[in-house]
Amino acid sequence: MNFMYKGQLDLTDRITIETGLCKGESFKKIAKRIGRYPSTVSHEVLENRTYIRNTYFAGKDCRLVRNCRKKGMCGADEYACHYFCKHCRGVNCTKICDKYQSVACRKPERPPYVCNTCKERKLCIKDKYIYSAQYADAASSRRRSESRQGIRLTDEQKVFVDKLVTRLVRKGQPLTHIYAEHEAEMPISLRSLYNYIDAGELTIKNIDLRRKTSYRQRRKNAKGVSKGFANLKYREGRTYEDFESFMKYSALSVIEMDTVKGVREKGKRLLTMIFRDNSIMLMFLMQDGSSSSVKMVFDFLERGLGTERFVRLFPVFLTDNGSEFKRPEDLKMTEDYLIRTNIFYCDPMASWQKPHIEKNHEFIRYVIPRGKSLNPYTQDDMTLLMNHINSTRRQSLGNKAPYELINEDDEDMWALFNLLKMDLIPPDEVHLMPDLFLKNK
């Protein structure tokens, strides 16, 4: 069989690979179609497949985890440690327990290494590997970009460039002039030369470049990275890209979350949540805009609904990067260190990634205009406003109100209705004006 090498795989090749995998074709047949070697296709699938982790009980994929009562396997005094090993966040008990029985599926360890054609994929609750052409191409591009970062010169080349550029710059020559004259000798581009100087890799510095020091630094750099994004550790594994990857093969409901404040003052803040499926918005008046206040709302919902019902109603949250949401583990875990939800974050300055909640905030502003403090209001006021908003019919919902979309047999949602005192307002009585609270006193 003749194969033709055509350079790196592109998106078209990867779409062909994904199509072949979904049809159950062998690597050899797919490789023949795109003019590659079967080993190339096999390596591509292994390298760029998407891993989808299941939400195991207590985060452990052990068959015995639900009934496990072991303590002190790490050597700690079982009387001093109050947690079962399965809930320990310091030591992974699956690595040290002699009775560990993994329930992980072994099929992805054999060709085709993915679950694209697995008949049990939709109902499978185990970890999965999926090959998606779009995500594979993005992963490959990102890896290629990262591989080109940093110094890519040998020691001899770096010494040569450093001596040549330093000598001529100290004569007053601009870099453009130097590079134009010595381009044939330079092992790097002019852009890379600027980058190396900016990174401090050469003897000369930015201050030695006259035009460089004469430019005013861009406003973004002049102010520096805002405190909110100085530490992005809380976003690891929770970015919008991770959210899209998580939801690509998931049918879980998504709840968008945000906060609303009246004026720039210390005091009450409004936490809002909206179900993408039916546009029902929940509103909670918090004493302040701290992360602990948001956690109190989550704990209130979990206690009122029960953990299992909370998990079914609120499986995935998508929110922005506000400081009140930067402790995801507090929101994700119960007090018993069980996973109760998944938290993901939109990209900075990309509110369009959660359009439902942003659009619904307009209804709040009909009643509470911008610049008006939230301190005079109570949770009963917010419940009243919530009921009027959710009783407003929308053209996008087939001229129905969000409350009217709830099925009579949806026990979980009706339990939420009872907990939060959610009631349908008759259509003609819906009132979204600033005097709403006055009319109901």
Protein backbone atom coordinates (compact mmCIF):
# COMPACT_ATOMS: atom_id res chain seq x y z
CA MET A 1 0.00 0.00 0.00
CA ASN A 2 1.36 3.41 -0.97
CA PHE A 3 1.13 6.27 1.48
CA MET A 4 1.96 9.87 0.70
CA TYR A 5 3.42 12.21 3.32
CA LYS A 6 1.70 15.59 3.22
CA GLY A 7 3.09 17.36 6.28
CA GLN A 8 1.11 18.00 9.43
CA LEU A 9 -2.49 16.90 9.79
CA ASP A 10 -5.02 19.66 9.23
CA LEU A 11 -8.66 20.04 10.25
CA THR A 12 -9.88 18.33 7.06
CA ASP A 13 -7.77 15.26 7.86
CA ARG A 14 -9.03 15.20 11.41
CA ILE A 15 -12.66 15.42 10.27
CA THR A 16 -12.00 12.39 8.07
CA ILE A 17 -10.49 10.55 11.04
CA GLU A 18 -13.47 11.41 13.27
CA THR A 19 -15.90 10.28 10.57
CA GLY A 20 -14.03 7.01 10.13
CA LEU A 21 -13.96 6.35 13.86
CA CYS A 22 -17.71 6.97 14.14
CA LYS A 23 -18.25 4.46 11.31
CA GLY A 24 -16.11 1.86 13.08
CA GLU A 25 -13.42 1.81 10.37
CA SER A 26 -9.91 0.55 11.09
CA PHE A 27 -6.88 2.82 11.32
CA LYS A 28 -5.58 1.27 8.11
CA LYS A 29 -8.70 2.17 6.14
CA ILE A 30 -8.78 5.71 7.53
CA ALA A 31 -5.07 6.16 6.81
CA LYS A 32 -5.55 5.08 3.20
CA ARG A 33 -8.30 7.67 2.73
CA ILE A 34 -6.13 10.60 3.91
CA GLY A 35 -2.86 9.29 2.45
CA ARG A 36 -1.09 8.62 5.75
CA TYR A 37 0.40 5.70 7.62
CA PRO A 38 -1.85 3.81 10.06
CA SER A 39 0.63 4.60 12.84
CA THR A 40 0.10 8.31 12.14
CA VAL A 41 -3.65 7.96 12.62
CA SER A 42 -3.16 5.86 15.75
CA HIS A 43 -0.76 8.44 17.23
CA GLU A 44 -3.14 11.28 16.36
CA VAL A 45 -6.07 9.63 18.16
CA LEU A 46 -4.02 8.84 21.27
CA GLU A 47 -2.43 12.29 21.37
CA ASN A 48 -5.50 14.44 20.80
CA ARG A 49 -8.48 12.50 22.14
CA THR A 50 -10.63 14.32 24.70
CA TYR A 51 -10.83 12.90 28.21
CA ILE A 52 -14.23 13.19 29.90
CA ARG A 53 -14.12 12.39 33.58
CA ASN A 54 -17.17 10.96 35.29
CA THR A 55 -18.39 12.32 38.62
CA TYR A 56 -17.67 9.31 40.82
CA PHE A 57 -18.98 8.98 44.35
CA ALA A 58 -16.51 10.84 46.61
CA GLY A 59 -14.38 11.31 43.49
CA LYS A 60 -13.11 7.70 43.61
CA ASP A 61 -13.63 5.11 40.87
CA CYS A 62 -13.60 2.19 43.30
CA ARG A 63 -16.33 -0.43 43.25
CA LEU A 64 -16.47 -0.50 47.07
CA VAL A 65 -16.37 3.24 47.76
CA ARG A 66 -20.02 3.74 48.82
CA ASN A 67 -19.78 1.30 51.73
CA CYS A 68 -16.11 1.79 52.56
CA ARG A 69 -15.47 2.78 56.20
CA LYS A 70 -11.67 2.63 56.27
CA LYS A 71 -9.65 5.19 58.23
CA GLY A 72 -5.97 5.88 58.77
CA MET A 73 -4.58 4.05 55.74
CA CYS A 74 -1.98 6.80 55.30
CA GLY A 75 -0.58 6.11 58.77
CA ALA A 76 -2.47 8.80 60.63
CA ASP A 77 -4.10 7.98 63.96
CA GLU A 78 -7.64 6.87 63.09
CA TYR A 79 -8.89 8.46 66.32
CA ALA A 80 -7.23 11.80 65.53
CA CYS A 81 -8.50 11.86 61.93
CA HIS A 82 -12.26 12.29 61.76
CA TYR A 83 -12.64 11.54 58.05
CA PHE A 84 -12.98 8.31 56.17
CA CYS A 85 -10.12 7.75 53.76
CA LYS A 86 -12.47 8.05 50.78
CA HIS A 87 -13.16 11.69 51.74
CA CYS A 88 -9.51 12.62 52.37
CA ARG A 89 -8.28 15.38 50.09
CA GLY A 90 -4.63 14.96 51.03
CA VAL A 91 -4.03 11.33 50.08
CA ASN A 92 -5.65 9.36 47.27
CA CYS A 93 -6.80 6.16 48.95
CA THR A 94 -7.01 4.30 45.63
CA LYS A 95 -3.20 4.40 45.46
CA ILE A 96 -2.62 2.72 48.83
CA CYS A 97 -5.65 0.53 49.46
CA ASP A 98 -5.12 -3.21 48.87
CA LYS A 99 -8.87 -3.72 48.28
CA TYR A 100 -9.20 -1.09 45.57
CA GLN A 101 -11.27 -2.36 42.65
CA SER A 102 -11.43 0.03 39.73
CA VAL A 103 -14.66 0.31 37.76
CA ALA A 104 -12.91 2.15 34.95
CA CYS A 105 -13.56 0.87 31.43
CA ARG A 106 -10.54 -0.79 29.79
CA LYS A 107 -11.77 -0.48 26.21
CA PRO A 108 -9.96 2.86 25.55
CA GLU A 109 -6.67 1.05 26.22
CA ARG A 110 -7.13 -0.88 22.97
CA PRO A 111 -7.67 0.39 19.41
CA PRO A 112 -9.45 2.57 18.45
CA TYR A 113 -8.68 4.06 21.91
CA VAL A 114 -11.93 6.12 21.98
CA CYS A 115 -15.60 5.64 22.76
CA ASN A 116 -17.00 7.20 19.57
CA THR A 117 -18.61 3.96 18.41
CA CYS A 118 -19.44 2.43 21.78
CA LYS A 119 -23.13 1.51 21.95
CA GLU A 120 -23.20 2.10 25.71
CA ARG A 121 -21.69 5.60 25.51
CA LYS A 122 -24.84 7.59 26.25
CA LEU A 123 -25.67 5.61 29.39
CA CYS A 124 -22.10 4.93 30.48
CA ILE A 125 -21.14 6.53 33.80
CA LYS A 126 -17.42 5.74 33.53
CA ASP A 127 -14.53 7.86 32.28
CA LYS A 128 -14.60 8.28 28.51
CA TYR A 129 -12.31 9.25 25.68
CA ILE A 130 -13.85 10.96 22.65
CA TYR A 131 -12.11 12.00 19.46
CA SER A 132 -13.45 15.30 18.13
CA ALA A 133 -11.82 16.84 15.06
CA GLN A 134 -12.44 20.38 16.27
CA TYR A 135 -10.95 19.88 19.72
CA ALA A 136 -8.11 17.73 18.38
CA ASP A 137 -7.11 20.48 15.94
CA ALA A 138 -7.27 23.12 18.70
CA ALA A 139 -5.16 20.96 21.04
CA SER A 140 -2.57 20.37 18.34
CA SER A 141 -2.34 24.09 17.52
CA ARG A 142 -2.02 25.01 21.18
CA ARG A 143 0.71 22.42 21.76
CA ARG A 144 2.59 23.59 18.66
CA SER A 145 2.36 27.20 19.83
CA GLU A 146 3.65 26.35 23.30
CA SER A 147 6.56 24.39 21.86
CA ARG A 148 7.75 27.51 20.06
CA GLN A 149 7.91 29.63 23.19
CA GLY A 150 11.17 30.34 24.96
CA ILE A 151 14.73 30.41 23.61
CA ARG A 152 15.24 28.21 20.56
CA LEU A 153 18.91 28.85 19.96
CA THR A 154 22.00 26.78 20.66
CA ASP A 155 24.57 28.25 23.03
CA GLU A 156 26.85 29.11 20.10
CA GLN A 157 24.04 30.86 18.18
CA LYS A 158 22.99 32.82 21.25
CA VAL A 159 26.56 34.03 21.89
CA PHE A 160 26.94 35.07 18.24
CA VAL A 161 23.67 37.04 18.18
CA ASP A 162 24.43 38.63 21.54
CA LYS A 163 27.89 39.86 20.53
CA LEU A 164 26.78 41.12 17.11
CA VAL A 165 23.66 42.96 18.27
CA THR A 166 25.23 44.39 21.42
CA ARG A 167 28.19 45.80 19.54
CA LEU A 168 26.10 47.47 16.86
CA VAL A 169 23.37 48.77 19.18
CA ARG A 170 26.02 50.50 21.26
CA LYS A 171 27.01 52.30 18.11
CA GLY A 172 23.52 53.72 17.96
CA GLN A 173 22.19 51.46 15.21
CA PRO A 174 18.51 50.52 15.38
CA LEU A 175 17.56 46.85 15.36
CA THR A 176 15.80 47.17 12.01
CA HIS A 177 18.99 48.44 10.45
CA ILE A 178 21.09 45.71 12.07
CA TYR A 179 18.75 42.97 10.98
CA ALA A 180 18.47 44.27 7.42
CA GLU A 181 22.22 44.21 7.11
CA HIS A 182 22.84 40.83 8.79
CA GLU A 183 19.63 38.95 7.99
CA ALA A 184 21.53 36.15 6.23
CA GLU A 185 23.61 35.55 9.37
CA MET A 186 20.76 35.75 11.85
CA PRO A 187 19.30 32.40 13.00
CA ILE A 188 16.12 34.16 14.22
CA SER A 189 13.55 36.62 12.94
CA LEU A 190 13.43 40.31 13.83
CA ARG A 191 10.33 39.73 15.97
CA SER A 192 12.13 37.02 17.93
CA LEU A 193 15.09 39.34 18.40
CA TYR A 194 12.83 41.93 20.03
CA ASN A 195 11.26 39.20 22.19
CA TYR A 196 14.65 37.93 23.40
CA ILE A 197 15.72 41.43 24.38
CA ASP A 198 12.39 42.05 26.12
CA ALA A 199 12.82 38.77 28.04
CA GLY A 200 16.33 39.80 29.18
CA GLU A 201 18.12 37.00 27.33
CA LEU A 202 20.73 39.30 25.73
CA THR A 203 23.25 41.73 27.19
CA ILE A 204 21.42 44.79 25.91
CA LYS A 205 18.07 45.71 27.47
CA ASN A 206 15.01 47.63 26.40
CA ILE A 207 16.54 50.79 27.83
CA ASP A 208 19.32 50.54 25.25
CA LEU A 209 16.77 50.75 22.42
CA ARG A 210 15.96 54.42 21.95
CA ARG A 211 12.62 53.96 20.19
CA LYS A 212 11.56 51.30 22.66
CA THR A 213 11.96 53.64 25.63
CA SER A 214 10.26 56.51 23.80
CA TYR A 215 7.01 54.56 23.38
CA ARG A 216 4.42 54.97 26.12
CA GLN A 217 3.50 51.59 27.55
CA ARG A 218 0.06 50.39 26.61
CA ARG A 219 -2.67 51.12 29.12
CA LYS A 220 -3.25 47.44 29.77
CA ASN A 221 0.37 46.89 30.77
CA ALA A 222 0.70 50.23 32.51
CA LYS A 223 -1.95 49.31 35.03
CA GLY A 224 -0.79 45.73 35.19
CA VAL A 225 -2.95 42.67 35.44
CA SER A 226 -5.93 43.32 37.66
CA LYS A 227 -5.95 41.61 41.03
CA GLY A 228 -8.86 39.48 39.94
CA PHE A 229 -6.81 37.75 37.27
CA ALA A 230 -3.38 37.83 38.89
CA ASN A 231 -3.93 34.32 40.19
CA LEU A 232 -5.78 32.09 37.76
CA LYS A 233 -5.35 28.88 39.73
CA TYR A 234 -9.07 28.74 40.48
CA ARG A 235 -9.74 28.51 36.71
CA GLU A 236 -7.56 25.43 36.13
CA GLY A 237 -9.76 22.78 34.55
CA ARG A 238 -12.76 25.14 34.75
CA THR A 239 -12.32 27.48 31.75
CA TYR A 240 -14.98 28.03 29.10
CA GLU A 241 -13.06 25.69 26.82
CA ASP A 242 -13.22 23.02 29.53
CA PHE A 243 -16.95 23.73 29.86
CA GLU A 244 -17.52 23.19 26.14
CA SER A 245 -15.52 19.98 26.26
CA PHE A 246 -17.46 18.77 29.30
CA MET A 247 -20.85 19.54 27.74
CA LYS A 248 -20.10 18.23 24.25
CA TYR A 249 -21.14 14.71 25.23
CA SER A 250 -23.27 15.53 28.26
CA ALA A 251 -27.01 16.09 28.58
CA LEU A 252 -26.77 17.73 32.02
CA SER A 253 -28.64 20.95 32.69
CA VAL A 254 -26.64 24.17 32.83
CA ILE A 255 -27.31 26.97 35.31
CA GLU A 256 -25.82 30.38 34.60
CA MET A 257 -24.92 32.39 37.69
CA ASP A 258 -24.11 36.04 38.34
CA THR A 259 -24.50 38.81 40.91
CA VAL A 260 -26.26 42.18 40.76
CA LYS A 261 -25.36 45.18 42.86
CA GLY A 262 -27.16 48.46 43.25
CA VAL A 263 -24.50 51.07 43.90
CA ARG A 264 -20.80 51.03 44.75
CA GLU A 265 -21.22 50.60 48.48
CA LYS A 266 -20.79 47.88 51.03
CA GLY A 267 -23.95 46.03 51.66
CA LYS A 268 -26.43 43.67 50.10
CA ARG A 269 -25.87 41.91 46.79
CA LEU A 270 -28.24 39.88 44.66
CA LEU A 271 -27.19 36.39 43.56
CA THR A 272 -29.00 35.27 40.43
CA MET A 273 -29.21 31.83 38.77
CA ILE A 274 -31.03 30.87 35.59
CA PHE A 275 -31.81 27.44 34.17
CA ARG A 276 -30.95 27.38 30.50
CA ASP A 277 -33.59 24.73 29.83
CA ASN A 278 -36.60 26.81 30.87
CA SER A 279 -35.26 30.34 31.65
CA ILE A 280 -36.44 30.17 35.29
CA MET A 281 -34.39 32.65 37.29
CA LEU A 282 -33.69 32.31 41.02
CA MET A 283 -32.85 35.37 43.12
CA PHE A 284 -31.16 35.38 46.53
CA LEU A 285 -30.46 38.54 48.51
CA MET A 286 -27.07 38.23 50.25
CA GLN A 287 -25.73 40.42 53.04
CA ASP A 288 -22.60 41.17 51.02
CA GLY A 289 -20.75 40.12 47.88
CA SER A 290 -18.34 37.70 49.53
CA SER A 291 -17.65 34.11 48.55
CA SER A 292 -18.86 32.93 51.95
CA SER A 293 -22.29 34.47 51.24
CA VAL A 294 -22.51 32.56 47.95
CA LYS A 295 -21.56 29.37 49.78
CA MET A 296 -24.34 30.00 52.28
CA VAL A 297 -26.86 30.06 49.41
CA PHE A 298 -25.52 26.77 48.05
CA ASP A 299 -25.65 25.19 51.52
CA PHE A 300 -29.20 26.49 52.02
CA LEU A 301 -30.36 24.91 48.76
CA GLU A 302 -28.64 21.62 49.53
CA ARG A 303 -30.13 21.38 53.03
CA GLY A 304 -33.58 22.37 51.85
CA LEU A 305 -33.65 20.02 48.86
CA GLY A 306 -31.40 17.20 50.01
CA THR A 307 -28.04 16.39 48.43
CA GLU A 308 -29.35 13.98 45.80
CA ARG A 309 -32.03 16.39 44.60
CA PHE A 310 -29.57 19.28 44.62
CA VAL A 311 -27.18 17.25 42.41
CA ARG A 312 -29.98 16.53 39.93
CA LEU A 313 -31.21 20.13 39.81
CA PHE A 314 -27.83 21.92 39.80
CA PRO A 315 -25.30 19.68 38.03
CA VAL A 316 -23.34 22.39 36.17
CA PHE A 317 -22.81 26.09 36.93
CA LEU A 318 -21.37 28.60 34.47
CA THR A 319 -20.41 31.94 35.96
CA ASP A 320 -18.07 34.89 35.53
CA ASN A 321 -14.77 35.67 37.27
CA GLY A 322 -16.11 37.79 40.11
CA SER A 323 -14.28 37.56 43.43
CA GLU A 324 -17.35 36.00 45.05
CA PHE A 325 -16.97 32.90 42.84
CA LYS A 326 -13.21 32.35 43.21
CA ARG A 327 -13.45 29.56 45.78
CA PRO A 328 -14.90 26.83 43.55
CA GLU A 329 -14.14 23.98 45.94
CA ASP A 330 -16.42 25.54 48.58
CA LEU A 331 -19.27 25.56 46.07
CA LYS A 332 -18.47 22.22 44.49
CA MET A 333 -18.13 20.16 47.66
CA THR A 334 -20.57 19.43 50.47
CA GLU A 335 -19.56 19.71 54.11
CA ASP A 336 -18.90 15.95 53.96
CA TYR A 337 -16.52 16.49 50.99
CA LEU A 338 -18.90 14.98 48.45
CA ILE A 339 -19.15 16.47 44.97
CA ARG A 340 -22.48 18.23 44.57
CA THR A 341 -21.96 20.24 41.36
CA ASN A 342 -19.45 21.38 38.72
CA ILE A 343 -18.24 24.99 38.40
CA PHE A 344 -16.97 26.56 35.17
CA TYR A 345 -15.95 30.14 34.34
CA CYS A 346 -16.49 32.30 31.29
CA ASP A 347 -13.55 33.97 29.63
CA PRO A 348 -12.63 37.42 31.02
CA MET A 349 -14.74 40.21 29.50
CA ALA A 350 -16.94 37.67 27.67
CA SER A 351 -20.37 38.07 29.21
CA TRP A 352 -21.90 36.85 25.94
CA GLN A 353 -20.90 33.33 26.97
CA LYS A 354 -23.72 33.38 29.53
CA PRO A 355 -26.36 35.32 27.57
CA HIS A 356 -29.46 34.05 29.38
CA ILE A 357 -28.60 35.52 32.77
CA GLU A 358 -27.35 38.80 31.26
CA LYS A 359 -30.56 39.21 29.27
CA ASN A 360 -32.77 38.41 32.24
CA HIS A 361 -31.10 41.08 34.35
CA GLU A 362 -33.00 43.61 32.24
CA PHE A 363 -36.18 42.57 34.02
CA ILE A 364 -34.59 43.33 37.39
CA ARG A 365 -33.62 46.81 36.19
CA TYR A 366 -37.24 47.51 35.23
CA VAL A 367 -38.05 47.43 38.96
CA ILE A 368 -34.72 48.29 40.58
CA PRO A 369 -32.98 50.86 38.36
CA ARG A 370 -29.20 51.11 38.20
CA GLY A 371 -27.73 53.20 40.99
CA LYS A 372 -30.41 52.24 43.51
CA SER A 373 -29.15 50.56 46.66
CA LEU A 374 -30.29 47.04 47.51
CA ASN A 375 -29.96 47.57 51.26
CA PRO A 376 -33.63 48.54 51.85
CA TYR A 377 -34.95 45.32 50.32
CA THR A 378 -35.63 41.92 51.89
CA GLN A 379 -35.61 38.39 50.54
CA ASP A 380 -39.42 38.51 50.41
CA ASP A 381 -39.13 41.46 48.03
CA MET A 382 -36.76 39.51 45.81
CA THR A 383 -39.06 36.50 45.87
CA LEU A 384 -41.93 38.69 44.75
CA LEU A 385 -39.85 40.18 41.94
CA MET A 386 -38.64 36.69 40.96
CA ASN A 387 -42.23 35.46 40.64
CA HIS A 388 -43.24 38.39 38.45
CA ILE A 389 -40.21 37.94 36.18
CA ASN A 390 -40.72 34.19 35.83
CA SER A 391 -44.41 34.74 35.08
CA THR A 392 -43.62 37.02 32.15
CA ARG A 393 -44.32 35.33 28.85
CA ARG A 394 -41.58 35.29 26.21
CA GLN A 395 -41.73 34.90 22.46
CA SER A 396 -38.57 32.80 22.63
CA LEU A 397 -40.44 30.30 24.84
CA GLY A 398 -43.39 29.93 22.48
CA ASN A 399 -45.27 32.78 24.16
CA LYS A 400 -45.19 30.98 27.50
CA ALA A 401 -43.81 32.05 30.85
CA PRO A 402 -40.86 30.14 32.34
CA TYR A 403 -43.06 28.86 35.18
CA GLU A 404 -45.52 27.44 32.64
CA LEU A 405 -42.85 25.16 31.17
CA ILE A 406 -42.58 22.97 34.28
CA ASN A 407 -44.02 19.48 33.92
CA GLU A 408 -46.48 18.31 36.55
CA ASP A 409 -44.39 15.19 37.21
CA ASP A 410 -41.12 17.10 37.72
CA GLU A 411 -40.83 16.42 41.45
CA ASP A 412 -37.41 18.01 41.79
CA MET A 413 -38.50 21.34 40.36
CA TRP A 414 -41.71 21.40 42.41
CA ALA A 415 -39.64 20.78 45.54
CA LEU A 416 -37.59 23.85 44.60
CA PHE A 417 -40.82 25.81 44.09
CA ASN A 418 -41.99 24.93 47.60
CA LEU A 419 -38.63 25.77 49.15
CA LEU A 420 -38.35 29.21 47.55
CA LYS A 421 -42.09 30.09 47.62
CA MET A 422 -42.25 30.31 43.84
CA ASP A 423 -45.78 30.98 42.51
CA LEU A 424 -47.17 31.77 39.08
CA ILE A 425 -48.57 35.29 38.78
CA PRO A 426 -51.67 35.61 36.55
CA PRO A 427 -50.66 37.18 33.20
CA ASP A 428 -52.67 40.37 33.69
CA GLU A 429 -51.25 40.90 37.17
CA VAL A 430 -47.58 40.77 36.19
CA HIS A 431 -46.09 44.11 37.23
CA LEU A 432 -42.52 45.13 36.36
CA MET A 433 -42.31 48.75 37.45
CA PRO A 434 -40.42 50.48 40.32
CA ASP A 435 -43.66 50.69 42.37
CA LEU A 436 -44.00 46.86 42.49
CA PHE A 437 -43.04 46.65 46.16
CA LEU A 438 -45.27 49.58 47.12
CA LYS A 439 -48.28 47.93 45.49
CA ASN A 440 -47.81 44.78 47.59
CA LYS A 441 -47.35 46.40 51.01
